[in-house]
Amino acid sequence: MNTSPDTNSYTSTVTAGPGGAMTDEVGIITGDLTIATTLLPDGHAARVTIQYTGAKEWYTLTGSPAPIPQGGLAAYHRDLLGRIRRGQGATAT
């Protein structure tokens, strides 16, 4: 998991499980993906974007922006990675 110096964003690569991850723009995407989770200025929600690793286009993970749980942004990002690894049309919420 890569972090920026201010830890307001996290970027990681993950291989989606069966059924992949759901995006607003193109529906389900599968395979090797890059996930970026960015804290919004209000400090209570995050924007989650996703792309095929190495591609130029980024998509919105369905359900984004999403509220940040008690554990904070890092915990939320780790949880997202786990859900995407499991697949089944993973979303941000």
N, C-alpha and C. Protein backbone atom coordinates (compact mmCIF):
# COMPACT_ATOMS: atom_id res chain seq x y z
N MET A 1 0.86 -1.17 0.00
CA MET A 1 0.00 0.00 0.00
C MET A 1 0.90 1.23 0.00
N ASN A 2 0.74 2.08 -1.00
CA ASN A 2 1.51 3.31 -1.08
C ASN A 2 0.71 4.45 -0.45
N THR A 3 1.41 5.30 0.28
CA THR A 3 0.75 6.44 0.89
C THR A 3 1.45 7.71 0.47
N SER A 4 0.72 8.80 0.47
CA SER A 4 1.33 10.10 0.25
C SER A 4 1.88 10.57 1.59
N PRO A 5 2.78 11.55 1.59
CA PRO A 5 3.36 11.99 2.85
C PRO A 5 2.33 12.45 3.89
N ASP A 6 1.21 13.00 3.45
CA ASP A 6 0.21 13.48 4.40
C ASP A 6 -0.83 12.41 4.74
N THR A 7 -0.69 11.22 4.19
CA THR A 7 -1.60 10.09 4.39
C THR A 7 -3.07 10.44 4.17
N ASN A 8 -3.31 11.35 3.25
CA ASN A 8 -4.68 11.66 2.86
C ASN A 8 -5.11 10.83 1.67
N SER A 9 -4.21 9.97 1.19
CA SER A 9 -4.58 9.08 0.09
C SER A 9 -3.72 7.83 0.13
N TYR A 10 -4.30 6.75 -0.39
CA TYR A 10 -3.63 5.46 -0.47
C TYR A 10 -3.85 4.90 -1.86
N THR A 11 -2.83 4.28 -2.42
CA THR A 11 -2.92 3.65 -3.73
C THR A 11 -2.31 2.26 -3.63
N SER A 12 -3.02 1.26 -4.10
CA SER A 12 -2.56 -0.13 -4.06
C SER A 12 -3.00 -0.87 -5.31
N THR A 13 -2.28 -1.94 -5.62
CA THR A 13 -2.70 -2.83 -6.69
C THR A 13 -3.29 -4.09 -6.07
N VAL A 14 -4.24 -4.67 -6.76
CA VAL A 14 -4.93 -5.85 -6.27
C VAL A 14 -5.48 -6.62 -7.48
N THR A 15 -5.59 -7.92 -7.34
CA THR A 15 -6.25 -8.73 -8.36
C THR A 15 -7.66 -9.00 -7.88
N ALA A 16 -8.63 -8.59 -8.66
CA ALA A 16 -10.04 -8.76 -8.29
C ALA A 16 -10.43 -10.22 -8.32
N GLY A 17 -11.25 -10.60 -7.36
CA GLY A 17 -11.78 -11.94 -7.31
C GLY A 17 -12.91 -12.11 -8.31
N PRO A 18 -13.50 -13.32 -8.36
CA PRO A 18 -14.60 -13.59 -9.29
C PRO A 18 -15.73 -12.58 -9.11
N GLY A 19 -16.15 -11.98 -10.19
CA GLY A 19 -17.21 -10.98 -10.15
C GLY A 19 -16.67 -9.56 -10.04
N GLY A 20 -15.37 -9.40 -9.82
CA GLY A 20 -14.70 -8.11 -9.88
C GLY A 20 -15.24 -7.01 -8.99
N ALA A 21 -15.06 -5.79 -9.47
CA ALA A 21 -15.48 -4.58 -8.77
C ALA A 21 -16.42 -3.79 -9.67
N MET A 22 -17.43 -3.17 -9.07
CA MET A 22 -18.44 -2.42 -9.82
C MET A 22 -18.04 -0.95 -9.94
N THR A 23 -18.08 -0.43 -11.16
CA THR A 23 -17.81 0.98 -11.40
C THR A 23 -19.06 1.67 -11.93
N ASP A 24 -19.12 2.99 -11.71
CA ASP A 24 -20.25 3.76 -12.22
C ASP A 24 -20.23 3.86 -13.74
N GLU A 25 -19.04 3.97 -14.30
CA GLU A 25 -18.91 4.27 -15.72
C GLU A 25 -19.01 3.06 -16.65
N VAL A 26 -18.42 1.94 -16.28
CA VAL A 26 -18.35 0.79 -17.20
C VAL A 26 -18.85 -0.52 -16.59
N GLY A 27 -19.44 -0.47 -15.41
CA GLY A 27 -19.90 -1.70 -14.78
C GLY A 27 -18.77 -2.46 -14.13
N ILE A 28 -18.84 -3.78 -14.20
CA ILE A 28 -17.86 -4.65 -13.54
C ILE A 28 -16.52 -4.61 -14.28
N ILE A 29 -15.43 -4.49 -13.50
CA ILE A 29 -14.09 -4.68 -14.06
C ILE A 29 -13.39 -5.76 -13.25
N THR A 30 -12.52 -6.50 -13.92
CA THR A 30 -11.84 -7.63 -13.29
C THR A 30 -10.36 -7.59 -13.63
N GLY A 31 -9.61 -8.49 -13.05
CA GLY A 31 -8.19 -8.60 -13.35
C GLY A 31 -7.33 -7.81 -12.39
N ASP A 32 -6.16 -7.38 -12.87
CA ASP A 32 -5.23 -6.61 -12.06
C ASP A 32 -5.66 -5.15 -12.06
N LEU A 33 -5.95 -4.64 -10.87
CA LEU A 33 -6.51 -3.30 -10.73
C LEU A 33 -5.67 -2.44 -9.78
N THR A 34 -5.72 -1.15 -9.98
CA THR A 34 -5.12 -0.19 -9.07
C THR A 34 -6.26 0.59 -8.42
N ILE A 35 -6.20 0.69 -7.09
CA ILE A 35 -7.24 1.34 -6.30
C ILE A 35 -6.63 2.58 -5.65
N ALA A 36 -7.30 3.73 -5.77
CA ALA A 36 -6.88 4.95 -5.09
C ALA A 36 -8.00 5.42 -4.18
N THR A 37 -7.68 5.59 -2.91
CA THR A 37 -8.64 6.05 -1.91
C THR A 37 -8.14 7.39 -1.40
N THR A 38 -8.95 8.44 -1.57
CA THR A 38 -8.53 9.81 -1.22
C THR A 38 -9.52 10.44 -0.26
N LEU A 39 -9.00 10.94 0.85
CA LEU A 39 -9.83 11.63 1.83
C LEU A 39 -10.36 12.93 1.24
N LEU A 40 -11.64 13.17 1.39
CA LEU A 40 -12.25 14.42 0.93
C LEU A 40 -11.98 15.53 1.96
N PRO A 41 -12.07 16.79 1.54
CA PRO A 41 -11.76 17.90 2.45
C PRO A 41 -12.56 17.91 3.75
N ASP A 42 -13.76 17.32 3.75
CA ASP A 42 -14.56 17.31 4.99
C ASP A 42 -13.98 16.37 6.04
N GLY A 43 -13.05 15.48 5.63
CA GLY A 43 -12.42 14.56 6.56
C GLY A 43 -13.29 13.40 7.00
N HIS A 44 -14.49 13.29 6.44
CA HIS A 44 -15.43 12.25 6.86
C HIS A 44 -15.79 11.27 5.76
N ALA A 45 -15.33 11.54 4.55
CA ALA A 45 -15.67 10.68 3.41
C ALA A 45 -14.45 10.55 2.50
N ALA A 46 -14.47 9.52 1.68
CA ALA A 46 -13.36 9.28 0.75
C ALA A 46 -13.90 9.03 -0.65
N ARG A 47 -13.12 9.47 -1.62
CA ARG A 47 -13.39 9.17 -3.03
C ARG A 47 -12.56 7.94 -3.36
N VAL A 48 -13.18 6.98 -4.02
CA VAL A 48 -12.48 5.75 -4.41
C VAL A 48 -12.53 5.64 -5.92
N THR A 49 -11.34 5.60 -6.53
CA THR A 49 -11.24 5.41 -7.97
C THR A 49 -10.46 4.14 -8.24
N ILE A 50 -10.69 3.59 -9.43
CA ILE A 50 -10.12 2.29 -9.77
C ILE A 50 -9.78 2.28 -11.25
N GLN A 51 -8.72 1.57 -11.59
CA GLN A 51 -8.33 1.45 -12.99
C GLN A 51 -7.71 0.08 -13.22
N TYR A 52 -7.71 -0.33 -14.49
CA TYR A 52 -6.90 -1.49 -14.86
C TYR A 52 -5.46 -1.06 -14.67
N THR A 53 -4.67 -1.84 -13.96
CA THR A 53 -3.29 -1.47 -13.68
C THR A 53 -2.56 -1.18 -14.98
N GLY A 54 -1.95 0.00 -15.05
CA GLY A 54 -1.21 0.42 -16.23
C GLY A 54 -2.03 1.21 -17.24
N ALA A 55 -3.34 1.27 -17.06
CA ALA A 55 -4.21 2.01 -17.98
C ALA A 55 -4.20 3.50 -17.63
N LYS A 56 -4.71 4.31 -18.54
CA LYS A 56 -4.82 5.75 -18.30
C LYS A 56 -6.15 6.11 -17.63
N GLU A 57 -7.20 5.39 -17.96
CA GLU A 57 -8.55 5.74 -17.49
C GLU A 57 -8.76 5.30 -16.05
N TRP A 58 -9.36 6.20 -15.29
CA TRP A 58 -9.79 5.90 -13.93
C TRP A 58 -11.31 5.90 -13.90
N TYR A 59 -11.88 5.02 -13.07
CA TYR A 59 -13.32 4.93 -12.92
C TYR A 59 -13.69 5.12 -11.45
N THR A 60 -14.93 5.50 -11.22
CA THR A 60 -15.43 5.66 -9.86
C THR A 60 -15.95 4.31 -9.37
N LEU A 61 -15.46 3.85 -8.22
CA LEU A 61 -16.00 2.64 -7.63
C LEU A 61 -17.40 2.97 -7.14
N THR A 62 -18.38 2.18 -7.55
CA THR A 62 -19.77 2.44 -7.19
C THR A 62 -19.90 2.59 -5.67
N GLY A 63 -20.64 3.63 -5.27
CA GLY A 63 -20.82 3.92 -3.85
C GLY A 63 -19.90 5.02 -3.36
N SER A 64 -18.98 5.46 -4.20
CA SER A 64 -18.05 6.53 -3.84
C SER A 64 -18.65 7.88 -4.23
N PRO A 65 -18.43 8.91 -3.41
CA PRO A 65 -17.69 8.91 -2.15
C PRO A 65 -18.45 8.16 -1.06
N ALA A 66 -17.67 7.64 -0.13
CA ALA A 66 -18.24 6.82 0.95
C ALA A 66 -17.75 7.34 2.30
N PRO A 67 -18.56 7.17 3.34
CA PRO A 67 -18.15 7.61 4.68
C PRO A 67 -16.96 6.78 5.18
N ILE A 68 -16.08 7.43 5.92
CA ILE A 68 -14.93 6.76 6.52
C ILE A 68 -15.36 6.16 7.86
N PRO A 69 -15.11 4.86 8.07
CA PRO A 69 -15.47 4.24 9.34
C PRO A 69 -14.53 4.69 10.47
N GLN A 70 -14.85 4.29 11.68
CA GLN A 70 -14.08 4.66 12.87
C GLN A 70 -12.59 4.41 12.74
N GLY A 71 -12.18 3.36 12.07
CA GLY A 71 -10.77 2.99 11.97
C GLY A 71 -9.92 3.94 11.14
N GLY A 72 -10.55 4.84 10.41
CA GLY A 72 -9.82 5.82 9.61
C GLY A 72 -9.61 5.38 8.17
N LEU A 73 -8.93 6.25 7.43
CA LEU A 73 -8.75 6.05 5.99
C LEU A 73 -7.92 4.81 5.66
N ALA A 74 -6.84 4.58 6.39
CA ALA A 74 -5.98 3.41 6.11
C ALA A 74 -6.77 2.11 6.29
N ALA A 75 -7.54 2.02 7.37
CA ALA A 75 -8.33 0.81 7.61
C ALA A 75 -9.39 0.64 6.53
N TYR A 76 -10.01 1.74 6.12
CA TYR A 76 -11.01 1.67 5.06
C TYR A 76 -10.38 1.17 3.76
N HIS A 77 -9.21 1.69 3.41
CA HIS A 77 -8.52 1.27 2.19
C HIS A 77 -8.19 -0.22 2.24
N ARG A 78 -7.67 -0.69 3.37
CA ARG A 78 -7.37 -2.12 3.52
C ARG A 78 -8.62 -2.97 3.36
N ASP A 79 -9.73 -2.50 3.95
CA ASP A 79 -11.00 -3.22 3.82
C ASP A 79 -11.45 -3.29 2.36
N LEU A 80 -11.31 -2.17 1.65
CA LEU A 80 -11.66 -2.17 0.22
C LEU A 80 -10.85 -3.20 -0.55
N LEU A 81 -9.55 -3.25 -0.29
CA LEU A 81 -8.69 -4.22 -0.98
C LEU A 81 -9.18 -5.64 -0.74
N GLY A 82 -9.55 -5.95 0.50
CA GLY A 82 -10.06 -7.28 0.81
C GLY A 82 -11.35 -7.58 0.07
N ARG A 83 -12.25 -6.60 0.02
CA ARG A 83 -13.52 -6.81 -0.68
C ARG A 83 -13.31 -7.00 -2.18
N ILE A 84 -12.38 -6.25 -2.75
CA ILE A 84 -12.12 -6.40 -4.19
C ILE A 84 -11.45 -7.74 -4.47
N ARG A 85 -10.57 -8.19 -3.58
CA ARG A 85 -9.97 -9.52 -3.75
C ARG A 85 -11.04 -10.62 -3.74
N ARG A 86 -12.07 -10.42 -2.95
CA ARG A 86 -13.18 -11.40 -2.91
C ARG A 86 -14.08 -11.25 -4.12
N GLY A 87 -14.11 -10.06 -4.73
CA GLY A 87 -14.90 -9.84 -5.95
C GLY A 87 -16.38 -9.65 -5.66
N GLN A 88 -17.21 -10.34 -6.41
CA GLN A 88 -18.66 -10.32 -6.25
C GLN A 88 -19.23 -8.91 -6.46
N GLY A 89 -18.65 -8.15 -7.40
CA GLY A 89 -19.15 -6.82 -7.69
C GLY A 89 -18.90 -5.86 -6.55
N ALA A 90 -17.70 -5.91 -5.95
CA ALA A 90 -17.35 -5.08 -4.80
C ALA A 90 -17.64 -3.61 -5.08
N THR A 91 -18.13 -2.92 -4.05
CA THR A 91 -18.42 -1.50 -4.13
C THR A 91 -17.73 -0.76 -2.98
N ALA A 92 -17.85 0.56 -2.99
CA ALA A 92 -17.20 1.39 -1.96
C ALA A 92 -17.94 1.37 -0.63
N THR A 93 -19.18 0.88 -0.64
CA THR A 93 -19.96 0.85 0.62
C THR A 93 -20.38 -0.56 0.96
